[in-house]
Amino acid sequence: MATASVTSKGQITIPAGVRAALGLETGSRVEFVETEKGKFAIVAATNSVHALKGMLRKPSSPVSVEDMNLAIAKQGAKAR
């Protein structure tokens, strides 16, 4: 099990093995995600929002803002 100490400034050094497993490099960002009360997971936050481009296919026909609002209202009404 890898361990690290917290400095007086609240900083830690992530052990080399953990950095390698997460694919972290200098300048990488991490997120601390609470998995349950008092327990957190460290998740690499290395991808930018631009990495999401192309994950979803384009709709076969454009959808208007009005149509989107109607669909949202319809789903909201179902939830009640």
PDB file of N, CA and C in Angstrom:
ATOM      1  N   MET A   1       0.849  -1.168   0.000  1.00  0.00           N
ATOM      2  CA  MET A   1       0.000   0.000   0.000  1.00  0.00           C
ATOM      3  C   MET A   1       0.898   1.236   0.000  1.00  0.00           C
ATOM      4  N   ALA A   2       0.615   2.190  -0.890  1.00  0.00           N
ATOM      5  CA  ALA A   2       1.386   3.426  -0.971  1.00  0.00           C
ATOM      6  C   ALA A   2       0.852   4.429   0.049  1.00  0.00           C
ATOM      7  N   THR A   3       1.759   5.138   0.699  1.00  0.00           N
ATOM      8  CA  THR A   3       1.361   6.157   1.666  1.00  0.00           C
ATOM      9  C   THR A   3       2.102   7.451   1.366  1.00  0.00           C
ATOM     10  N   ALA A   4       1.572   8.561   1.895  1.00  0.00           N
ATOM     11  CA  ALA A   4       2.196   9.865   1.744  1.00  0.00           C
ATOM     12  C   ALA A   4       1.917  10.674   2.997  1.00  0.00           C
ATOM     13  N   SER A   5       2.779  11.629   3.277  1.00  0.00           N
ATOM     14  CA  SER A   5       2.598  12.510   4.433  1.00  0.00           C
ATOM     15  C   SER A   5       2.078  13.860   3.967  1.00  0.00           C
ATOM     16  N   VAL A   6       1.301  14.514   4.810  1.00  0.00           N
ATOM     17  CA  VAL A   6       0.770  15.842   4.517  1.00  0.00           C
ATOM     18  C   VAL A   6       1.704  16.875   5.138  1.00  0.00           C
ATOM     19  N   THR A   7       2.087  17.880   4.339  1.00  0.00           N
ATOM     20  CA  THR A   7       2.952  18.944   4.859  1.00  0.00           C
ATOM     21  C   THR A   7       2.120  19.959   5.632  1.00  0.00           C
ATOM     22  N   SER A   8       2.801  20.906   6.266  1.00  0.00           N
ATOM     23  CA  SER A   8       2.091  21.950   7.014  1.00  0.00           C
ATOM     24  C   SER A   8       1.244  22.821   6.102  1.00  0.00           C
ATOM     25  N   LYS A   9       1.542  22.832   4.808  1.00  0.00           N
ATOM     26  CA  LYS A   9       0.752  23.596   3.837  1.00  0.00           C
ATOM     27  C   LYS A   9      -0.386  22.763   3.245  1.00  0.00           C
ATOM     28  N   GLY A  10      -0.556  21.533   3.718  1.00  0.00           N
ATOM     29  CA  GLY A  10      -1.626  20.665   3.213  1.00  0.00           C
ATOM     30  C   GLY A  10      -1.271  19.974   1.904  1.00  0.00           C
ATOM     31  N   GLN A  11       0.001  19.925   1.564  1.00  0.00           N
ATOM     32  CA  GLN A  11       0.428  19.304   0.317  1.00  0.00           C
ATOM     33  C   GLN A  11       0.905  17.874   0.562  1.00  0.00           C
ATOM     34  N   ILE A  12       0.750  17.047  -0.484  1.00  0.00           N
ATOM     35  CA  ILE A  12       1.272  15.688  -0.426  1.00  0.00           C
ATOM     36  C   ILE A  12       2.028  15.406  -1.721  1.00  0.00           C
ATOM     37  N   THR A  13       2.936  14.464  -1.677  1.00  0.00           N
ATOM     38  CA  THR A  13       3.593  13.967  -2.878  1.00  0.00           C
ATOM     39  C   THR A  13       2.978  12.613  -3.177  1.00  0.00           C
ATOM     40  N   ILE A  14       2.414  12.484  -4.364  1.00  0.00           N
ATOM     41  CA  ILE A  14       1.800  11.219  -4.755  1.00  0.00           C
ATOM     42  C   ILE A  14       2.926  10.256  -5.103  1.00  0.00           C
ATOM     43  N   PRO A  15       2.960   9.079  -4.489  1.00  0.00           N
ATOM     44  CA  PRO A  15       4.042   8.120  -4.745  1.00  0.00           C
ATOM     45  C   PRO A  15       4.177   7.788  -6.236  1.00  0.00           C
ATOM     46  N   ALA A  16       5.409   7.530  -6.667  1.00  0.00           N
ATOM     47  CA  ALA A  16       5.705   7.289  -8.081  1.00  0.00           C
ATOM     48  C   ALA A  16       4.851   6.167  -8.673  1.00  0.00           C
ATOM     49  N   GLY A  17       4.653   5.090  -7.948  1.00  0.00           N
ATOM     50  CA  GLY A  17       3.855   3.982  -8.467  1.00  0.00           C
ATOM     51  C   GLY A  17       2.410   4.375  -8.724  1.00  0.00           C
ATOM     52  N   VAL A  18       1.865   5.207  -7.844  1.00  0.00           N
ATOM     53  CA  VAL A  18       0.479   5.678  -8.016  1.00  0.00           C
ATOM     54  C   VAL A  18       0.403   6.624  -9.210  1.00  0.00           C
ATOM     55  N   ARG A  19       1.395   7.531  -9.323  1.00  0.00           N
ATOM     56  CA  ARG A  19       1.423   8.442 -10.473  1.00  0.00           C
ATOM     57  C   ARG A  19       1.487   7.669 -11.783  1.00  0.00           C
ATOM     58  N   ALA A  20       2.307   6.637 -11.816  1.00  0.00           N
ATOM     59  CA  ALA A  20       2.437   5.831 -13.029  1.00  0.00           C
ATOM     60  C   ALA A  20       1.134   5.107 -13.355  1.00  0.00           C
ATOM     61  N   ALA A  21       0.501   4.542 -12.343  1.00  0.00           N
ATOM     62  CA  ALA A  21      -0.756   3.805 -12.564  1.00  0.00           C
ATOM     63  C   ALA A  21      -1.871   4.721 -13.064  1.00  0.00           C
ATOM     64  N   LEU A  22      -1.857   5.986 -12.602  1.00  0.00           N
ATOM     65  CA  LEU A  22      -2.881   6.938 -13.034  1.00  0.00           C
ATOM     66  C   LEU A  22      -2.502   7.667 -14.318  1.00  0.00           C
ATOM     67  N   GLY A  23      -1.284   7.465 -14.782  1.00  0.00           N
ATOM     68  CA  GLY A  23      -0.831   8.151 -15.991  1.00  0.00           C
ATOM     69  C   GLY A  23      -0.587   9.633 -15.767  1.00  0.00           C
ATOM     70  N   LEU A  24      -0.191  10.000 -14.554  1.00  0.00           N
ATOM     71  CA  LEU A  24       0.020  11.404 -14.213  1.00  0.00           C
ATOM     72  C   LEU A  24       1.430  11.839 -14.579  1.00  0.00           C
ATOM     73  N   GLU A  25       1.510  13.055 -15.098  1.00  0.00           N
ATOM     74  CA  GLU A  25       2.796  13.664 -15.418  1.00  0.00           C
ATOM     75  C   GLU A  25       2.832  15.034 -14.762  1.00  0.00           C
ATOM     76  N   THR A  26       3.964  15.712 -14.842  1.00  0.00           N
ATOM     77  CA  THR A  26       4.075  17.062 -14.300  1.00  0.00           C
ATOM     78  C   THR A  26       2.975  17.944 -14.901  1.00  0.00           C
ATOM     79  N   GLY A  27       2.256  18.632 -14.048  1.00  0.00           N
ATOM     80  CA  GLY A  27       1.174  19.506 -14.496  1.00  0.00           C
ATOM     81  C   GLY A  27      -0.181  18.829 -14.588  1.00  0.00           C
ATOM     82  N   SER A  28      -0.231  17.505 -14.426  1.00  0.00           N
ATOM     83  CA  SER A  28      -1.516  16.795 -14.457  1.00  0.00           C
ATOM     84  C   SER A  28      -2.365  17.239 -13.279  1.00  0.00           C
ATOM     85  N   ARG A  29      -3.670  17.134 -13.452  1.00  0.00           N
ATOM     86  CA  ARG A  29      -4.598  17.484 -12.387  1.00  0.00           C
ATOM     87  C   ARG A  29      -5.286  16.213 -11.904  1.00  0.00           C
ATOM     88  N   VAL A  30      -5.668  16.216 -10.637  1.00  0.00           N
ATOM     89  CA  VAL A  30      -6.406  15.089 -10.069  1.00  0.00           C
ATOM     90  C   VAL A  30      -7.656  15.615  -9.392  1.00  0.00           C
ATOM     91  N   GLU A  31      -8.646  14.758  -9.302  1.00  0.00           N
ATOM     92  CA  GLU A  31      -9.875  15.070  -8.582  1.00  0.00           C
ATOM     93  C   GLU A  31      -9.978  14.126  -7.397  1.00  0.00           C
ATOM     94  N   PHE A  32     -10.499  14.636  -6.296  1.00  0.00           N
ATOM     95  CA  PHE A  32     -10.748  13.825  -5.119  1.00  0.00           C
ATOM     96  C   PHE A  32     -12.254  13.593  -5.062  1.00  0.00           C
ATOM     97  N   VAL A  33     -12.669  12.356  -5.248  1.00  0.00           N
ATOM     98  CA  VAL A  33     -14.088  12.001  -5.324  1.00  0.00           C
ATOM     99  C   VAL A  33     -14.447  11.220  -4.066  1.00  0.00           C
ATOM    100  N   GLU A  34     -15.434  11.729  -3.314  1.00  0.00           N
ATOM    101  CA  GLU A  34     -15.862  11.035  -2.098  1.00  0.00           C
ATOM    102  C   GLU A  34     -16.665   9.804  -2.486  1.00  0.00           C
ATOM    103  N   THR A  35     -16.185   8.640  -2.089  1.00  0.00           N
ATOM    104  CA  THR A  35     -16.862   7.391  -2.419  1.00  0.00           C
ATOM    105  C   THR A  35     -17.842   6.980  -1.334  1.00  0.00           C
ATOM    106  N   GLU A  36     -17.536   7.343  -0.108  1.00  0.00           N
ATOM    107  CA  GLU A  36     -18.429   7.177   1.028  1.00  0.00           C
ATOM    108  C   GLU A  36     -17.913   8.098   2.119  1.00  0.00           C
ATOM    109  N   LYS A  37     -18.677   8.264   3.164  1.00  0.00           N
ATOM    110  CA  LYS A  37     -18.293   9.212   4.207  1.00  0.00           C
ATOM    111  C   LYS A  37     -16.890   8.901   4.734  1.00  0.00           C
ATOM    112  N   GLY A  38     -15.990   9.868   4.581  1.00  0.00           N
ATOM    113  CA  GLY A  38     -14.635   9.721   5.076  1.00  0.00           C
ATOM    114  C   GLY A  38     -13.676   8.980   4.163  1.00  0.00           C
ATOM    115  N   LYS A  39     -14.135   8.568   2.970  1.00  0.00           N
ATOM    116  CA  LYS A  39     -13.269   7.859   2.022  1.00  0.00           C
ATOM    117  C   LYS A  39     -13.321   8.555   0.666  1.00  0.00           C
ATOM    118  N   PHE A  40     -12.139   8.738   0.085  1.00  0.00           N
ATOM    119  CA  PHE A  40     -12.038   9.420  -1.197  1.00  0.00           C
ATOM    120  C   PHE A  40     -11.230   8.586  -2.175  1.00  0.00           C
ATOM    121  N   ALA A  41     -11.523   8.758  -3.456  1.00  0.00           N
ATOM    122  CA  ALA A  41     -10.733   8.162  -4.527  1.00  0.00           C
ATOM    123  C   ALA A  41     -10.033   9.294  -5.266  1.00  0.00           C
ATOM    124  N   ILE A  42      -8.801   9.057  -5.690  1.00  0.00           N
ATOM    125  CA  ILE A  42      -8.074  10.026  -6.499  1.00  0.00           C
ATOM    126  C   ILE A  42      -8.258   9.619  -7.952  1.00  0.00           C
ATOM    127  N   VAL A  43      -8.761  10.542  -8.758  1.00  0.00           N
ATOM    128  CA  VAL A  43      -9.044  10.265 -10.160  1.00  0.00           C
ATOM    129  C   VAL A  43      -8.242  11.242 -11.016  1.00  0.00           C
ATOM    130  N   ALA A  44      -7.557  10.730 -12.023  1.00  0.00           N
ATOM    131  CA  ALA A  44      -6.818  11.599 -12.931  1.00  0.00           C
ATOM    132  C   ALA A  44      -7.809  12.442 -13.727  1.00  0.00           C
ATOM    133  N   ALA A  45      -7.576  13.744 -13.732  1.00  0.00           N
ATOM    134  CA  ALA A  45      -8.427  14.672 -14.490  1.00  0.00           C
ATOM    135  C   ALA A  45      -7.578  15.275 -15.597  1.00  0.00           C
ATOM    136  N   THR A  46      -7.048  14.408 -16.451  1.00  0.00           N
ATOM    137  CA  THR A  46      -6.086  14.852 -17.451  1.00  0.00           C
ATOM    138  C   THR A  46      -6.721  15.249 -18.765  1.00  0.00           C
ATOM    139  N   ASN A  47      -7.951  14.848 -19.023  1.00  0.00           N
ATOM    140  CA  ASN A  47      -8.592  15.181 -20.292  1.00  0.00           C
ATOM    141  C   ASN A  47      -9.327  16.506 -20.203  1.00  0.00           C
ATOM    142  N   SER A  48      -9.225  17.281 -21.264  1.00  0.00           N
ATOM    143  CA  SER A  48      -9.970  18.533 -21.325  1.00  0.00           C
ATOM    144  C   SER A  48     -11.342  18.254 -21.929  1.00  0.00           C
ATOM    145  N   VAL A  49     -12.197  19.232 -21.883  1.00  0.00           N
ATOM    146  CA  VAL A  49     -13.534  19.078 -22.448  1.00  0.00           C
ATOM    147  C   VAL A  49     -13.447  18.832 -23.960  1.00  0.00           C
ATOM    148  N   HIS A  50     -12.387  19.289 -24.586  1.00  0.00           N
ATOM    149  CA  HIS A  50     -12.223  19.082 -26.029  1.00  0.00           C
ATOM    150  C   HIS A  50     -12.077  17.596 -26.369  1.00  0.00           C
ATOM    151  N   ALA A  51     -11.651  16.787 -25.412  1.00  0.00           N
ATOM    152  CA  ALA A  51     -11.511  15.350 -25.645  1.00  0.00           C
ATOM    153  C   ALA A  51     -12.871  14.676 -25.831  1.00  0.00           C
ATOM    154  N   LEU A  52     -13.945  15.349 -25.424  1.00  0.00           N
ATOM    155  CA  LEU A  52     -15.290  14.775 -25.552  1.00  0.00           C
ATOM    156  C   LEU A  52     -15.855  14.913 -26.966  1.00  0.00           C
ATOM    157  N   LYS A  53     -15.254  15.796 -27.763  1.00  0.00           N
ATOM    158  CA  LYS A  53     -15.768  16.042 -29.106  1.00  0.00           C
ATOM    159  C   LYS A  53     -15.780  14.749 -29.911  1.00  0.00           C
ATOM    160  N   GLY A  54     -16.903  14.486 -30.543  1.00  0.00           N
ATOM    161  CA  GLY A  54     -17.037  13.319 -31.396  1.00  0.00           C
ATOM    162  C   GLY A  54     -17.514  12.071 -30.683  1.00  0.00           C
ATOM    163  N   MET A  55     -17.715  12.129 -29.365  1.00  0.00           N
ATOM    164  CA  MET A  55     -18.171  10.945 -28.638  1.00  0.00           C
ATOM    165  C   MET A  55     -19.623  10.604 -28.971  1.00  0.00           C
ATOM    166  N   LEU A  56     -20.419  11.614 -29.243  1.00  0.00           N
ATOM    167  CA  LEU A  56     -21.818  11.395 -29.587  1.00  0.00           C
ATOM    168  C   LEU A  56     -22.026  11.689 -31.063  1.00  0.00           C
ATOM    169  N   ARG A  57     -22.876  10.905 -31.676  1.00  0.00           N
ATOM    170  CA  ARG A  57     -23.148  11.153 -33.092  1.00  0.00           C
ATOM    171  C   ARG A  57     -24.035  12.374 -33.236  1.00  0.00           C
ATOM    172  N   LYS A  58     -23.966  12.988 -34.396  1.00  0.00           N
ATOM    173  CA  LYS A  58     -24.806  14.154 -34.656  1.00  0.00           C
ATOM    174  C   LYS A  58     -26.234  13.671 -34.899  1.00  0.00           C
ATOM    175  N   PRO A  59     -27.232  14.463 -34.483  1.00  0.00           N
ATOM    176  CA  PRO A  59     -28.626  14.058 -34.736  1.00  0.00           C
ATOM    177  C   PRO A  59     -28.909  14.053 -36.236  1.00  0.00           C
ATOM    178  N   SER A  60     -29.827  13.185 -36.649  1.00  0.00           N
ATOM    179  CA  SER A  60     -30.152  13.088 -38.080  1.00  0.00           C
ATOM    180  C   SER A  60     -30.785  14.367 -38.602  1.00  0.00           C
ATOM    181  N   SER A  61     -31.472  15.082 -37.725  1.00  0.00           N
ATOM    182  CA  SER A  61     -32.035  16.385 -38.112  1.00  0.00           C
ATOM    183  C   SER A  61     -31.849  17.344 -36.943  1.00  0.00           C
ATOM    184  N   PRO A  62     -31.665  18.621 -37.244  1.00  0.00           N
ATOM    185  CA  PRO A  62     -31.449  19.596 -36.167  1.00  0.00           C
ATOM    186  C   PRO A  62     -32.656  19.666 -35.232  1.00  0.00           C
ATOM    187  N   VAL A  63     -32.393  19.969 -33.982  1.00  0.00           N
ATOM    188  CA  VAL A  63     -33.449  20.100 -32.989  1.00  0.00           C
ATOM    189  C   VAL A  63     -33.475  21.548 -32.518  1.00  0.00           C
ATOM    190  N   SER A  64     -34.660  22.143 -32.504  1.00  0.00           N
ATOM    191  CA  SER A  64     -34.768  23.542 -32.093  1.00  0.00           C
ATOM    192  C   SER A  64     -34.759  23.648 -30.567  1.00  0.00           C
ATOM    193  N   VAL A  65     -34.472  24.836 -30.089  1.00  0.00           N
ATOM    194  CA  VAL A  65     -34.492  25.093 -28.651  1.00  0.00           C
ATOM    195  C   VAL A  65     -35.900  24.851 -28.107  1.00  0.00           C
ATOM    196  N   GLU A  66     -36.905  25.227 -28.867  1.00  0.00           N
ATOM    197  CA  GLU A  66     -38.292  25.024 -28.441  1.00  0.00           C
ATOM    198  C   GLU A  66     -38.593  23.539 -28.264  1.00  0.00           C
ATOM    199  N   ASP A  67     -38.134  22.711 -29.218  1.00  0.00           N
ATOM    200  CA  ASP A  67     -38.343  21.267 -29.113  1.00  0.00           C
ATOM    201  C   ASP A  67     -37.625  20.700 -27.888  1.00  0.00           C
ATOM    202  N   MET A  68     -36.416  21.206 -27.619  1.00  0.00           N
ATOM    203  CA  MET A  68     -35.676  20.748 -26.441  1.00  0.00           C
ATOM    204  C   MET A  68     -36.429  21.109 -25.167  1.00  0.00           C
ATOM    205  N   ASN A  69     -36.939  22.351 -25.113  1.00  0.00           N
ATOM    206  CA  ASN A  69     -37.682  22.779 -23.926  1.00  0.00           C
ATOM    207  C   ASN A  69     -38.939  21.950 -23.723  1.00  0.00           C
ATOM    208  N   LEU A  70     -39.626  21.610 -24.801  1.00  0.00           N
ATOM    209  CA  LEU A  70     -40.818  20.764 -24.696  1.00  0.00           C
ATOM    210  C   LEU A  70     -40.458  19.377 -24.176  1.00  0.00           C
ATOM    211  N   ALA A  71     -39.372  18.805 -24.679  1.00  0.00           N
ATOM    212  CA  ALA A  71     -38.944  17.476 -24.232  1.00  0.00           C
ATOM    213  C   ALA A  71     -38.567  17.509 -22.751  1.00  0.00           C
ATOM    214  N   ILE A  72     -37.891  18.565 -22.326  1.00  0.00           N
ATOM    215  CA  ILE A  72     -37.516  18.690 -20.916  1.00  0.00           C
ATOM    216  C   ILE A  72     -38.752  18.819 -20.052  1.00  0.00           C
ATOM    217  N   ALA A  73     -39.701  19.642 -20.462  1.00  0.00           N
ATOM    218  CA  ALA A  73     -40.937  19.827 -19.699  1.00  0.00           C
ATOM    219  C   ALA A  73     -41.719  18.512 -19.614  1.00  0.00           C
ATOM    220  N   LYS A  74     -41.753  17.772 -20.720  1.00  0.00           N
ATOM    221  CA  LYS A  74     -42.475  16.499 -20.746  1.00  0.00           C
ATOM    222  C   LYS A  74     -41.850  15.499 -19.762  1.00  0.00           C
ATOM    223  N   GLN A  75     -40.521  15.399 -19.744  1.00  0.00           N
ATOM    224  CA  GLN A  75     -39.841  14.497 -18.816  1.00  0.00           C
ATOM    225  C   GLN A  75     -40.050  14.948 -17.373  1.00  0.00           C
ATOM    226  N   GLY A  76     -40.037  16.264 -17.165  1.00  0.00           N
ATOM    227  CA  GLY A  76     -40.264  16.787 -15.810  1.00  0.00           C
ATOM    228  C   GLY A  76     -41.648  16.452 -15.306  1.00  0.00           C
ATOM    229  N   ALA A  77     -42.631  16.504 -16.200  1.00  0.00           N
ATOM    230  CA  ALA A  77     -44.000  16.181 -15.820  1.00  0.00           C
ATOM    231  C   ALA A  77     -44.131  14.689 -15.477  1.00  0.00           C
ATOM    232  N   LYS A  78     -43.391  13.839 -16.170  1.00  0.00           N
ATOM    233  CA  LYS A  78     -43.422  12.398 -15.888  1.00  0.00           C
ATOM    234  C   LYS A  78     -42.848  12.081 -14.509  1.00  0.00           C
ATOM    235  N   ALA A  79     -41.860  12.862 -14.115  1.00  0.00           N
ATOM    236  CA  ALA A  79     -41.178  12.596 -12.844  1.00  0.00           C
ATOM    237  C   ALA A  79     -42.053  12.924 -11.641  1.00  0.00           C
ATOM    238  N   ARG A  80     -43.063  13.705 -11.835  1.00  0.00           N
ATOM    239  CA  ARG A  80     -43.924  14.108 -10.705  1.00  0.00           C
ATOM    240  C   ARG A  80     -44.949  13.106 -10.445  1.00  0.00           C
TER     241      ARG A  80
END
